[in-house]
Amino acid sequence: MVNQLGQQEDFVTLSEREREVMQCIARGLSSKQCAVELGIAPRTVERHVENLRNKLNARNKPHLVAKALSGGHI
């Protein structure tokens, strides 16, 4: 069953904005710093992070970055 979950994560697609937010996270930027860079509200960044965590089944930001890297999303 673990393999099935891993396979499902391989088929996850991220929007362009989600990829941009993911790159900010991977660079260690805060939500506020990412928001300024992307020209969006910090709450919007946090919403994208939550969506990313749900899509990639990640527990926290470091886990999210690790899964995004291993899945080829960044």
PDB file of N, CA and C in Angstrom:
ATOM      1  N   MET A   1       0.818  -1.192   0.000  1.00  0.00           N
ATOM      2  CA  MET A   1       0.000   0.000   0.000  1.00  0.00           C
ATOM      3  C   MET A   1       0.863   1.258   0.000  1.00  0.00           C
ATOM      4  N   VAL A   2       2.016   1.231   0.630  1.00  0.00           N
ATOM      5  CA  VAL A   2       2.911   2.384   0.630  1.00  0.00           C
ATOM      6  C   VAL A   2       3.329   2.719  -0.791  1.00  0.00           C
ATOM      7  N   ASN A   3       3.582   1.689  -1.612  1.00  0.00           N
ATOM      8  CA  ASN A   3       3.972   1.933  -2.994  1.00  0.00           C
ATOM      9  C   ASN A   3       2.877   2.649  -3.769  1.00  0.00           C
ATOM     10  N   GLN A   4       1.618   2.292  -3.501  1.00  0.00           N
ATOM     11  CA  GLN A   4       0.525   2.952  -4.199  1.00  0.00           C
ATOM     12  C   GLN A   4       0.481   4.433  -3.852  1.00  0.00           C
ATOM     13  N   LEU A   5       0.714   4.769  -2.589  1.00  0.00           N
ATOM     14  CA  LEU A   5       0.726   6.178  -2.199  1.00  0.00           C
ATOM     15  C   LEU A   5       1.859   6.913  -2.887  1.00  0.00           C
ATOM     16  N   GLY A   6       3.020   6.314  -2.921  1.00  0.00           N
ATOM     17  CA  GLY A   6       4.161   6.924  -3.587  1.00  0.00           C
ATOM     18  C   GLY A   6       3.905   7.129  -5.066  1.00  0.00           C
ATOM     19  N   GLN A   7       3.247   6.146  -5.694  1.00  0.00           N
ATOM     20  CA  GLN A   7       2.946   6.259  -7.110  1.00  0.00           C
ATOM     21  C   GLN A   7       1.955   7.381  -7.363  1.00  0.00           C
ATOM     22  N   GLN A   8       0.985   7.561  -6.473  1.00  0.00           N
ATOM     23  CA  GLN A   8       0.028   8.639  -6.639  1.00  0.00           C
ATOM     24  C   GLN A   8       0.729   9.986  -6.577  1.00  0.00           C
ATOM     25  N   GLU A   9       1.717  10.131  -5.707  1.00  0.00           N
ATOM     26  CA  GLU A   9       2.444  11.389  -5.592  1.00  0.00           C
ATOM     27  C   GLU A   9       3.249  11.687  -6.846  1.00  0.00           C
ATOM     28  N   ASP A  10       3.645  10.658  -7.586  1.00  0.00           N
ATOM     29  CA  ASP A  10       4.389  10.876  -8.816  1.00  0.00           C
ATOM     30  C   ASP A  10       3.538  11.590  -9.872  1.00  0.00           C
ATOM     31  N   PHE A  11       2.229  11.479  -9.771  1.00  0.00           N
ATOM     32  CA  PHE A  11       1.332  12.049 -10.773  1.00  0.00           C
ATOM     33  C   PHE A  11       0.760  13.398 -10.358  1.00  0.00           C
ATOM     34  N   VAL A  12       1.238  13.941  -9.261  1.00  0.00           N
ATOM     35  CA  VAL A  12       0.773  15.240  -8.788  1.00  0.00           C
ATOM     36  C   VAL A  12       1.277  16.320  -9.731  1.00  0.00           C
ATOM     37  N   THR A  13       0.383  17.218 -10.111  1.00  0.00           N
ATOM     38  CA  THR A  13       0.805  18.357 -10.919  1.00  0.00           C
ATOM     39  C   THR A  13       0.633  19.624 -10.091  1.00  0.00           C
ATOM     40  N   LEU A  14       1.587  20.504 -10.214  1.00  0.00           N
ATOM     41  CA  LEU A  14       1.558  21.766  -9.492  1.00  0.00           C
ATOM     42  C   LEU A  14       1.307  22.899 -10.474  1.00  0.00           C
ATOM     43  N   SER A  15       0.559  23.884 -10.015  1.00  0.00           N
ATOM     44  CA  SER A  15       0.340  25.064 -10.850  1.00  0.00           C
ATOM     45  C   SER A  15       1.634  25.871 -10.912  1.00  0.00           C
ATOM     46  N   GLU A  16       1.674  26.790 -11.831  1.00  0.00           N
ATOM     47  CA  GLU A  16       2.860  27.653 -11.967  1.00  0.00           C
ATOM     48  C   GLU A  16       3.101  28.422 -10.665  1.00  0.00           C
ATOM     49  N   ARG A  17       2.050  28.949 -10.071  1.00  0.00           N
ATOM     50  CA  ARG A  17       2.186  29.700  -8.821  1.00  0.00           C
ATOM     51  C   ARG A  17       2.654  28.787  -7.685  1.00  0.00           C
ATOM     52  N   GLU A  18       2.131  27.573  -7.633  1.00  0.00           N
ATOM     53  CA  GLU A  18       2.578  26.624  -6.607  1.00  0.00           C
ATOM     54  C   GLU A  18       4.070  26.331  -6.762  1.00  0.00           C
ATOM     55  N   ARG A  19       4.533  26.204  -7.993  1.00  0.00           N
ATOM     56  CA  ARG A  19       5.974  25.979  -8.222  1.00  0.00           C
ATOM     57  C   ARG A  19       6.786  27.184  -7.769  1.00  0.00           C
ATOM     58  N   GLU A  20       6.279  28.384  -8.027  1.00  0.00           N
ATOM     59  CA  GLU A  20       6.975  29.595  -7.593  1.00  0.00           C
ATOM     60  C   GLU A  20       7.057  29.659  -6.069  1.00  0.00           C
ATOM     61  N   VAL A  21       5.956  29.353  -5.404  1.00  0.00           N
ATOM     62  CA  VAL A  21       5.936  29.349  -3.939  1.00  0.00           C
ATOM     63  C   VAL A  21       6.876  28.264  -3.414  1.00  0.00           C
ATOM     64  N   MET A  22       6.870  27.111  -4.053  1.00  0.00           N
ATOM     65  CA  MET A  22       7.754  26.018  -3.637  1.00  0.00           C
ATOM     66  C   MET A  22       9.219  26.429  -3.748  1.00  0.00           C
ATOM     67  N   GLN A  23       9.568  27.150  -4.797  1.00  0.00           N
ATOM     68  CA  GLN A  23      10.948  27.614  -4.950  1.00  0.00           C
ATOM     69  C   GLN A  23      11.321  28.598  -3.849  1.00  0.00           C
ATOM     70  N   CYS A  24      10.384  29.454  -3.462  1.00  0.00           N
ATOM     71  CA  CYS A  24      10.631  30.368  -2.337  1.00  0.00           C
ATOM     72  C   CYS A  24      10.898  29.586  -1.055  1.00  0.00           C
ATOM     73  N   ILE A  25      10.078  28.598  -0.795  1.00  0.00           N
ATOM     74  CA  ILE A  25      10.228  27.780   0.407  1.00  0.00           C
ATOM     75  C   ILE A  25      11.576  27.074   0.388  1.00  0.00           C
ATOM     76  N   ALA A  26      11.924  26.515  -0.754  1.00  0.00           N
ATOM     77  CA  ALA A  26      13.189  25.792  -0.875  1.00  0.00           C
ATOM     78  C   ALA A  26      14.387  26.711  -0.646  1.00  0.00           C
ATOM     79  N   ARG A  27      14.228  28.010  -0.949  1.00  0.00           N
ATOM     80  CA  ARG A  27      15.303  28.987  -0.726  1.00  0.00           C
ATOM     81  C   ARG A  27      15.304  29.499   0.713  1.00  0.00           C
ATOM     82  N   GLY A  28      14.325  29.049   1.510  1.00  0.00           N
ATOM     83  CA  GLY A  28      14.281  29.440   2.913  1.00  0.00           C
ATOM     84  C   GLY A  28      13.575  30.740   3.199  1.00  0.00           C
ATOM     85  N   LEU A  29      12.821  31.252   2.235  1.00  0.00           N
ATOM     86  CA  LEU A  29      12.106  32.510   2.445  1.00  0.00           C
ATOM     87  C   LEU A  29      10.881  32.296   3.331  1.00  0.00           C
ATOM     88  N   SER A  30      10.548  33.303   4.111  1.00  0.00           N
ATOM     89  CA  SER A  30       9.324  33.270   4.911  1.00  0.00           C
ATOM     90  C   SER A  30       8.136  33.529   3.992  1.00  0.00           C
ATOM     91  N   SER A  31       6.938  33.321   4.504  1.00  0.00           N
ATOM     92  CA  SER A  31       5.734  33.611   3.721  1.00  0.00           C
ATOM     93  C   SER A  31       5.693  35.081   3.322  1.00  0.00           C
ATOM     94  N   LYS A  32       6.077  35.947   4.250  1.00  0.00           N
ATOM     95  CA  LYS A  32       6.058  37.384   3.955  1.00  0.00           C
ATOM     96  C   LYS A  32       7.075  37.736   2.868  1.00  0.00           C
ATOM     97  N   GLN A  33       8.283  37.186   2.969  1.00  0.00           N
ATOM     98  CA  GLN A  33       9.314  37.455   1.958  1.00  0.00           C
ATOM     99  C   GLN A  33       8.877  36.924   0.596  1.00  0.00           C
ATOM    100  N   CYS A  34       8.304  35.749   0.589  1.00  0.00           N
ATOM    101  CA  CYS A  34       7.820  35.152  -0.657  1.00  0.00           C
ATOM    102  C   CYS A  34       6.711  36.009  -1.249  1.00  0.00           C
ATOM    103  N   ALA A  35       5.815  36.478  -0.408  1.00  0.00           N
ATOM    104  CA  ALA A  35       4.707  37.311  -0.862  1.00  0.00           C
ATOM    105  C   ALA A  35       5.212  38.585  -1.525  1.00  0.00           C
ATOM    106  N   VAL A  36       6.195  39.225  -0.906  1.00  0.00           N
ATOM    107  CA  VAL A  36       6.758  40.451  -1.471  1.00  0.00           C
ATOM    108  C   VAL A  36       7.387  40.152  -2.832  1.00  0.00           C
ATOM    109  N   GLU A  37       8.137  39.059  -2.904  1.00  0.00           N
ATOM    110  CA  GLU A  37       8.814  38.695  -4.153  1.00  0.00           C
ATOM    111  C   GLU A  37       7.813  38.405  -5.271  1.00  0.00           C
ATOM    112  N   LEU A  38       6.713  37.728  -4.927  1.00  0.00           N
ATOM    113  CA  LEU A  38       5.738  37.328  -5.945  1.00  0.00           C
ATOM    114  C   LEU A  38       4.627  38.355  -6.154  1.00  0.00           C
ATOM    115  N   GLY A  39       4.565  39.373  -5.288  1.00  0.00           N
ATOM    116  CA  GLY A  39       3.544  40.396  -5.420  1.00  0.00           C
ATOM    117  C   GLY A  39       2.155  39.922  -5.018  1.00  0.00           C
ATOM    118  N   ILE A  40       2.096  39.038  -4.029  1.00  0.00           N
ATOM    119  CA  ILE A  40       0.814  38.539  -3.529  1.00  0.00           C
ATOM    120  C   ILE A  40       0.785  38.693  -2.011  1.00  0.00           C
ATOM    121  N   ALA A  41      -0.360  38.444  -1.408  1.00  0.00           N
ATOM    122  CA  ALA A  41      -0.509  38.577   0.041  1.00  0.00           C
ATOM    123  C   ALA A  41       0.134  37.392   0.770  1.00  0.00           C
ATOM    124  N   PRO A  42       0.692  37.635   1.956  1.00  0.00           N
ATOM    125  CA  PRO A  42       1.269  36.535   2.739  1.00  0.00           C
ATOM    126  C   PRO A  42       0.264  35.411   3.000  1.00  0.00           C
ATOM    127  N   ARG A  43      -0.994  35.756   3.205  1.00  0.00           N
ATOM    128  CA  ARG A  43      -2.011  34.730   3.438  1.00  0.00           C
ATOM    129  C   ARG A  43      -2.192  33.857   2.196  1.00  0.00           C
ATOM    130  N   THR A  44      -2.052  34.440   1.026  1.00  0.00           N
ATOM    131  CA  THR A  44      -2.146  33.668  -0.214  1.00  0.00           C
ATOM    132  C   THR A  44      -0.988  32.683  -0.308  1.00  0.00           C
ATOM    133  N   VAL A  45       0.200  33.118   0.084  1.00  0.00           N
ATOM    134  CA  VAL A  45       1.353  32.219   0.111  1.00  0.00           C
ATOM    135  C   VAL A  45       1.066  31.055   1.061  1.00  0.00           C
ATOM    136  N   GLU A  46       0.544  31.375   2.242  1.00  0.00           N
ATOM    137  CA  GLU A  46       0.244  30.322   3.219  1.00  0.00           C
ATOM    138  C   GLU A  46      -0.794  29.343   2.678  1.00  0.00           C
ATOM    139  N   ARG A  47      -1.754  29.840   1.934  1.00  0.00           N
ATOM    140  CA  ARG A  47      -2.765  28.965   1.323  1.00  0.00           C
ATOM    141  C   ARG A  47      -2.111  28.042   0.295  1.00  0.00           C
ATOM    142  N   HIS A  48      -1.203  28.584  -0.505  1.00  0.00           N
ATOM    143  CA  HIS A  48      -0.491  27.755  -1.482  1.00  0.00           C
ATOM    144  C   HIS A  48       0.349  26.689  -0.773  1.00  0.00           C
ATOM    145  N   VAL A  49       0.993  27.069   0.319  1.00  0.00           N
ATOM    146  CA  VAL A  49       1.793  26.102   1.082  1.00  0.00           C
ATOM    147  C   VAL A  49       0.897  24.988   1.598  1.00  0.00           C
ATOM    148  N   GLU A  50      -0.255  25.328   2.131  1.00  0.00           N
ATOM    149  CA  GLU A  50      -1.192  24.317   2.626  1.00  0.00           C
ATOM    150  C   GLU A  50      -1.644  23.397   1.494  1.00  0.00           C
ATOM    151  N   ASN A  51      -1.955  23.966   0.341  1.00  0.00           N
ATOM    152  CA  ASN A  51      -2.345  23.149  -0.813  1.00  0.00           C
ATOM    153  C   ASN A  51      -1.210  22.228  -1.231  1.00  0.00           C
ATOM    154  N   LEU A  52       0.007  22.747  -1.235  1.00  0.00           N
ATOM    155  CA  LEU A  52       1.170  21.933  -1.589  1.00  0.00           C
ATOM    156  C   LEU A  52       1.368  20.788  -0.597  1.00  0.00           C
ATOM    157  N   ARG A  53       1.232  21.102   0.688  1.00  0.00           N
ATOM    158  CA  ARG A  53       1.375  20.062   1.718  1.00  0.00           C
ATOM    159  C   ARG A  53       0.335  18.960   1.515  1.00  0.00           C
ATOM    160  N   ASN A  54      -0.884  19.346   1.189  1.00  0.00           N
ATOM    161  CA  ASN A  54      -1.937  18.356   0.951  1.00  0.00           C
ATOM    162  C   ASN A  54      -1.662  17.537  -0.308  1.00  0.00           C
ATOM    163  N   LYS A  55      -1.264  18.204  -1.377  1.00  0.00           N
ATOM    164  CA  LYS A  55      -0.997  17.497  -2.638  1.00  0.00           C
ATOM    165  C   LYS A  55       0.154  16.504  -2.498  1.00  0.00           C
ATOM    166  N   LEU A  56       1.201  16.906  -1.772  1.00  0.00           N
ATOM    167  CA  LEU A  56       2.396  16.060  -1.667  1.00  0.00           C
ATOM    168  C   LEU A  56       2.428  15.231  -0.386  1.00  0.00           C
ATOM    169  N   ASN A  57       1.365  15.345   0.407  1.00  0.00           N
ATOM    170  CA  ASN A  57       1.275  14.545   1.634  1.00  0.00           C
ATOM    171  C   ASN A  57       2.447  14.817   2.567  1.00  0.00           C
ATOM    172  N   ALA A  58       2.770  16.069   2.773  1.00  0.00           N
ATOM    173  CA  ALA A  58       3.924  16.464   3.588  1.00  0.00           C
ATOM    174  C   ALA A  58       3.475  16.938   4.967  1.00  0.00           C
ATOM    175  N   ARG A  59       4.287  16.641   5.979  1.00  0.00           N
ATOM    176  CA  ARG A  59       3.973  17.003   7.360  1.00  0.00           C
ATOM    177  C   ARG A  59       4.283  18.461   7.677  1.00  0.00           C
ATOM    178  N   ASN A  60       5.342  19.001   7.074  1.00  0.00           N
ATOM    179  CA  ASN A  60       5.791  20.361   7.377  1.00  0.00           C
ATOM    180  C   ASN A  60       6.597  20.878   6.188  1.00  0.00           C
ATOM    181  N   LYS A  61       7.105  22.094   6.293  1.00  0.00           N
ATOM    182  CA  LYS A  61       7.829  22.688   5.162  1.00  0.00           C
ATOM    183  C   LYS A  61       9.091  21.909   4.774  1.00  0.00           C
ATOM    184  N   PRO A  62       9.930  21.504   5.727  1.00  0.00           N
ATOM    185  CA  PRO A  62      11.109  20.728   5.308  1.00  0.00           C
ATOM    186  C   PRO A  62      10.735  19.425   4.599  1.00  0.00           C
ATOM    187  N   HIS A  63       9.710  18.766   5.105  1.00  0.00           N
ATOM    188  CA  HIS A  63       9.244  17.536   4.469  1.00  0.00           C
ATOM    189  C   HIS A  63       8.682  17.839   3.082  1.00  0.00           C
ATOM    190  N   LEU A  64       8.000  18.958   2.955  1.00  0.00           N
ATOM    191  CA  LEU A  64       7.455  19.389   1.674  1.00  0.00           C
ATOM    192  C   LEU A  64       8.559  19.601   0.651  1.00  0.00           C
ATOM    193  N   VAL A  65       9.619  20.286   1.051  1.00  0.00           N
ATOM    194  CA  VAL A  65      10.752  20.528   0.146  1.00  0.00           C
ATOM    195  C   VAL A  65      11.391  19.210  -0.260  1.00  0.00           C
ATOM    196  N   ALA A  66      11.584  18.312   0.696  1.00  0.00           N
ATOM    197  CA  ALA A  66      12.193  17.006   0.392  1.00  0.00           C
ATOM    198  C   ALA A  66      11.336  16.230  -0.605  1.00  0.00           C
ATOM    199  N   LYS A  67      10.031  16.221  -0.405  1.00  0.00           N
ATOM    200  CA  LYS A  67       9.146  15.488  -1.319  1.00  0.00           C
ATOM    201  C   LYS A  67       9.110  16.151  -2.692  1.00  0.00           C
ATOM    202  N   ALA A  68       9.135  17.475  -2.720  1.00  0.00           N
ATOM    203  CA  ALA A  68       9.134  18.185  -4.011  1.00  0.00           C
ATOM    204  C   ALA A  68      10.417  17.886  -4.781  1.00  0.00           C
ATOM    205  N   LEU A  69      11.526  17.847  -4.078  1.00  0.00           N
ATOM    206  CA  LEU A  69      12.802  17.535  -4.721  1.00  0.00           C
ATOM    207  C   LEU A  69      12.802  16.103  -5.251  1.00  0.00           C
ATOM    208  N   SER A  70      12.384  15.161  -4.420  1.00  0.00           N
ATOM    209  CA  SER A  70      12.399  13.768  -4.844  1.00  0.00           C
ATOM    210  C   SER A  70      11.387  13.492  -5.959  1.00  0.00           C
ATOM    211  N   GLY A  71      10.311  14.291  -5.994  1.00  0.00           N
ATOM    212  CA  GLY A  71       9.299  14.120  -7.037  1.00  0.00           C
ATOM    213  C   GLY A  71       9.592  14.909  -8.308  1.00  0.00           C
ATOM    214  N   GLY A  72      10.695  15.663  -8.306  1.00  0.00           N
ATOM    215  CA  GLY A  72      11.060  16.426  -9.499  1.00  0.00           C
ATOM    216  C   GLY A  72      10.235  17.676  -9.710  1.00  0.00           C
ATOM    217  N   HIS A  73       9.602  18.170  -8.659  1.00  0.00           N
ATOM    218  CA  HIS A  73       8.766  19.364  -8.794  1.00  0.00           C
ATOM    219  C   HIS A  73       9.585  20.649  -8.728  1.00  0.00           C
ATOM    220  N   ILE A  74      10.782  20.564  -8.155  1.00  0.00           N
ATOM    221  CA  ILE A  74      11.682  21.727  -8.127  1.00  0.00           C
ATOM    222  C   ILE A  74      13.080  21.253  -8.428  1.00  0.00           C
TER     223      ILE A  74
END
